[in-house]
Amino acid sequence: MPDYRRYRIPGGTYFFTVNLLERYPNDLLIRHIDVLRHAGP
């Protein structure tokens, strides 16, 4: 597993990319975008 370096800043934000194995014609992420936006603390 890679050894990533991350800054530990209280209240910081991490950005990530989600990819699906079968991208087309899959609209799973679009249908559930509101759930993804509200996920987290």
PDB file of N, CA and C in Angstrom:
ATOM      1  N   MET A   1       0.846  -1.176   0.000  1.00  0.00           N
ATOM      2  CA  MET A   1       0.000   0.000   0.000  1.00  0.00           C
ATOM      3  C   MET A   1       0.895   1.245   0.000  1.00  0.00           C
ATOM      4  N   PRO A   2       0.540   2.255  -0.802  1.00  0.00           N
ATOM      5  CA  PRO A   2       1.369   3.458  -0.870  1.00  0.00           C
ATOM      6  C   PRO A   2       1.426   4.199   0.467  1.00  0.00           C
ATOM      7  N   ASP A   3       2.508   4.879   0.688  1.00  0.00           N
ATOM      8  CA  ASP A   3       2.682   5.682   1.892  1.00  0.00           C
ATOM      9  C   ASP A   3       2.445   7.144   1.526  1.00  0.00           C
ATOM     10  N   TYR A   4       1.207   7.612   1.695  1.00  0.00           N
ATOM     11  CA  TYR A   4       0.864   8.975   1.331  1.00  0.00           C
ATOM     12  C   TYR A   4       1.248   9.931   2.448  1.00  0.00           C
ATOM     13  N   ARG A   5       1.675  11.126   2.077  1.00  0.00           N
ATOM     14  CA  ARG A   5       1.962  12.164   3.051  1.00  0.00           C
ATOM     15  C   ARG A   5       0.778  13.115   3.078  1.00  0.00           C
ATOM     16  N   ARG A   6       0.272  13.343   4.263  1.00  0.00           N
ATOM     17  CA  ARG A   6      -0.880  14.228   4.408  1.00  0.00           C
ATOM     18  C   ARG A   6      -0.602  15.230   5.521  1.00  0.00           C
ATOM     19  N   TYR A   7      -1.013  16.464   5.288  1.00  0.00           N
ATOM     20  CA  TYR A   7      -0.929  17.466   6.337  1.00  0.00           C
ATOM     21  C   TYR A   7      -2.066  17.216   7.309  1.00  0.00           C
ATOM     22  N   ARG A   8      -1.755  17.252   8.577  1.00  0.00           N
ATOM     23  CA  ARG A   8      -2.776  17.074   9.616  1.00  0.00           C
ATOM     24  C   ARG A   8      -3.169  18.443  10.139  1.00  0.00           C
ATOM     25  N   ILE A   9      -4.233  18.991   9.574  1.00  0.00           N
ATOM     26  CA  ILE A   9      -4.709  20.304   9.969  1.00  0.00           C
ATOM     27  C   ILE A   9      -6.117  20.153  10.539  1.00  0.00           C
ATOM     28  N   PRO A  10      -6.335  20.559  11.793  1.00  0.00           N
ATOM     29  CA  PRO A  10      -7.680  20.470  12.369  1.00  0.00           C
ATOM     30  C   PRO A  10      -8.694  21.235  11.515  1.00  0.00           C
ATOM     31  N   GLY A  11      -9.792  20.592  11.192  1.00  0.00           N
ATOM     32  CA  GLY A  11     -10.828  21.225  10.378  1.00  0.00           C
ATOM     33  C   GLY A  11     -10.512  21.246   8.894  1.00  0.00           C
ATOM     34  N   GLY A  12      -9.428  20.591   8.488  1.00  0.00           N
ATOM     35  CA  GLY A  12      -9.052  20.561   7.076  1.00  0.00           C
ATOM     36  C   GLY A  12     -10.018  19.729   6.245  1.00  0.00           C
ATOM     37  N   THR A  13      -9.950  19.881   4.946  1.00  0.00           N
ATOM     38  CA  THR A  13     -10.824  19.165   4.023  1.00  0.00           C
ATOM     39  C   THR A  13      -9.990  18.297   3.092  1.00  0.00           C
ATOM     40  N   TYR A  14     -10.454  17.090   2.839  1.00  0.00           N
ATOM     41  CA  TYR A  14      -9.823  16.201   1.868  1.00  0.00           C
ATOM     42  C   TYR A  14     -10.725  16.104   0.644  1.00  0.00           C
ATOM     43  N   PHE A  15     -10.127  16.148  -0.521  1.00  0.00           N
ATOM     44  CA  PHE A  15     -10.870  15.959  -1.760  1.00  0.00           C
ATOM     45  C   PHE A  15     -10.492  14.605  -2.327  1.00  0.00           C
ATOM     46  N   PHE A  16     -11.460  13.923  -2.886  1.00  0.00           N
ATOM     47  CA  PHE A  16     -11.194  12.615  -3.453  1.00  0.00           C
ATOM     48  C   PHE A  16     -12.027  12.420  -4.706  1.00  0.00           C
ATOM     49  N   THR A  17     -11.637  11.476  -5.506  1.00  0.00           N
ATOM     50  CA  THR A  17     -12.335  11.158  -6.741  1.00  0.00           C
ATOM     51  C   THR A  17     -12.948   9.768  -6.620  1.00  0.00           C
ATOM     52  N   VAL A  18     -14.183   9.650  -7.055  1.00  0.00           N
ATOM     53  CA  VAL A  18     -14.872   8.363  -7.052  1.00  0.00           C
ATOM     54  C   VAL A  18     -14.981   7.899  -8.495  1.00  0.00           C
ATOM     55  N   ASN A  19     -14.611   6.655  -8.727  1.00  0.00           N
ATOM     56  CA  ASN A  19     -14.674   6.080 -10.063  1.00  0.00           C
ATOM     57  C   ASN A  19     -15.424   4.757  -9.992  1.00  0.00           C
ATOM     58  N   LEU A  20     -16.226   4.470 -10.979  1.00  0.00           N
ATOM     59  CA  LEU A  20     -16.968   3.218 -11.025  1.00  0.00           C
ATOM     60  C   LEU A  20     -16.354   2.294 -12.070  1.00  0.00           C
ATOM     61  N   LEU A  21     -16.457   1.007 -11.816  1.00  0.00           N
ATOM     62  CA  LEU A  21     -15.915   0.032 -12.753  1.00  0.00           C
ATOM     63  C   LEU A  21     -16.596   0.153 -14.118  1.00  0.00           C
ATOM     64  N   GLU A  22     -17.918   0.235 -14.104  1.00  0.00           N
ATOM     65  CA  GLU A  22     -18.680   0.390 -15.346  1.00  0.00           C
ATOM     66  C   GLU A  22     -19.229   1.810 -15.386  1.00  0.00           C
ATOM     67  N   ARG A  23     -18.530   2.691 -16.052  1.00  0.00           N
ATOM     68  CA  ARG A  23     -18.905   4.112 -16.045  1.00  0.00           C
ATOM     69  C   ARG A  23     -20.137   4.417 -16.886  1.00  0.00           C
ATOM     70  N   TYR A  24     -20.222   3.815 -18.037  1.00  0.00           N
ATOM     71  CA  TYR A  24     -21.317   4.133 -18.965  1.00  0.00           C
ATOM     72  C   TYR A  24     -22.140   2.908 -19.239  1.00  0.00           C
ATOM     73  N   PRO A  25     -23.423   2.973 -19.230  1.00  0.00           N
ATOM     74  CA  PRO A  25     -24.333   4.098 -18.987  1.00  0.00           C
ATOM     75  C   PRO A  25     -24.760   4.193 -17.525  1.00  0.00           C
ATOM     76  N   ASN A  26     -23.856   4.086 -16.584  1.00  0.00           N
ATOM     77  CA  ASN A  26     -24.156   4.076 -15.163  1.00  0.00           C
ATOM     78  C   ASN A  26     -24.338   5.509 -14.642  1.00  0.00           C
ATOM     79  N   ASP A  27     -25.511   5.795 -14.057  1.00  0.00           N
ATOM     80  CA  ASP A  27     -25.777   7.120 -13.503  1.00  0.00           C
ATOM     81  C   ASP A  27     -25.922   7.076 -11.978  1.00  0.00           C
ATOM     82  N   LEU A  28     -25.340   6.076 -11.359  1.00  0.00           N
ATOM     83  CA  LEU A  28     -25.459   5.881  -9.909  1.00  0.00           C
ATOM     84  C   LEU A  28     -25.007   7.111  -9.125  1.00  0.00           C
ATOM     85  N   LEU A  29     -23.858   7.668  -9.448  1.00  0.00           N
ATOM     86  CA  LEU A  29     -23.346   8.819  -8.709  1.00  0.00           C
ATOM     87  C   LEU A  29     -24.200  10.061  -8.927  1.00  0.00           C
ATOM     88  N   ILE A  30     -24.736  10.217 -10.111  1.00  0.00           N
ATOM     89  CA  ILE A  30     -25.584  11.377 -10.399  1.00  0.00           C
ATOM     90  C   ILE A  30     -26.907  11.281  -9.643  1.00  0.00           C
ATOM     91  N   ARG A  31     -27.468  10.088  -9.594  1.00  0.00           N
ATOM     92  CA  ARG A  31     -28.740   9.899  -8.890  1.00  0.00           C
ATOM     93  C   ARG A  31     -28.605  10.137  -7.388  1.00  0.00           C
ATOM     94  N   HIS A  32     -27.432   9.898  -6.836  1.00  0.00           N
ATOM     95  CA  HIS A  32     -27.245  10.008  -5.386  1.00  0.00           C
ATOM     96  C   HIS A  32     -26.276  11.128  -5.001  1.00  0.00           C
ATOM     97  N   ILE A  33     -26.178  12.155  -5.824  1.00  0.00           N
ATOM     98  CA  ILE A  33     -25.230  13.237  -5.565  1.00  0.00           C
ATOM     99  C   ILE A  33     -25.528  13.966  -4.264  1.00  0.00           C
ATOM    100  N   ASP A  34     -26.809  14.136  -3.908  1.00  0.00           N
ATOM    101  CA  ASP A  34     -27.153  14.836  -2.667  1.00  0.00           C
ATOM    102  C   ASP A  34     -26.675  14.052  -1.443  1.00  0.00           C
ATOM    103  N   VAL A  35     -26.785  12.746  -1.482  1.00  0.00           N
ATOM    104  CA  VAL A  35     -26.302  11.917  -0.375  1.00  0.00           C
ATOM    105  C   VAL A  35     -24.795  12.062  -0.235  1.00  0.00           C
ATOM    106  N   LEU A  36     -24.088  12.046  -1.371  1.00  0.00           N
ATOM    107  CA  LEU A  36     -22.631  12.190  -1.332  1.00  0.00           C
ATOM    108  C   LEU A  36     -22.210  13.559  -0.809  1.00  0.00           C
ATOM    109  N   ARG A  37     -22.953  14.592  -1.178  1.00  0.00           N
ATOM    110  CA  ARG A  37     -22.606  15.953  -0.726  1.00  0.00           C
ATOM    111  C   ARG A  37     -22.773  16.106   0.778  1.00  0.00           C
ATOM    112  N   HIS A  38     -23.737  15.405   1.364  1.00  0.00           N
ATOM    113  CA  HIS A  38     -23.997  15.539   2.798  1.00  0.00           C
ATOM    114  C   HIS A  38     -23.286  14.494   3.644  1.00  0.00           C
ATOM    115  N   ALA A  39     -22.495  13.651   3.030  1.00  0.00           N
ATOM    116  CA  ALA A  39     -21.762  12.635   3.791  1.00  0.00           C
ATOM    117  C   ALA A  39     -20.605  13.289   4.532  1.00  0.00           C
ATOM    118  N   GLY A  40     -20.306  12.768   5.664  1.00  0.00           N
ATOM    119  CA  GLY A  40     -19.182  13.285   6.433  1.00  0.00           C
ATOM    120  C   GLY A  40     -19.616  13.814   7.778  1.00  0.00           C
ATOM    121  N   PRO A  41     -18.702  14.460   8.457  1.00  0.00           N
ATOM    122  CA  PRO A  41     -18.986  14.945   9.819  1.00  0.00           C
ATOM    123  C   PRO A  41     -19.976  16.069   9.863  1.00  0.00           C
TER     124      PRO A  41
END
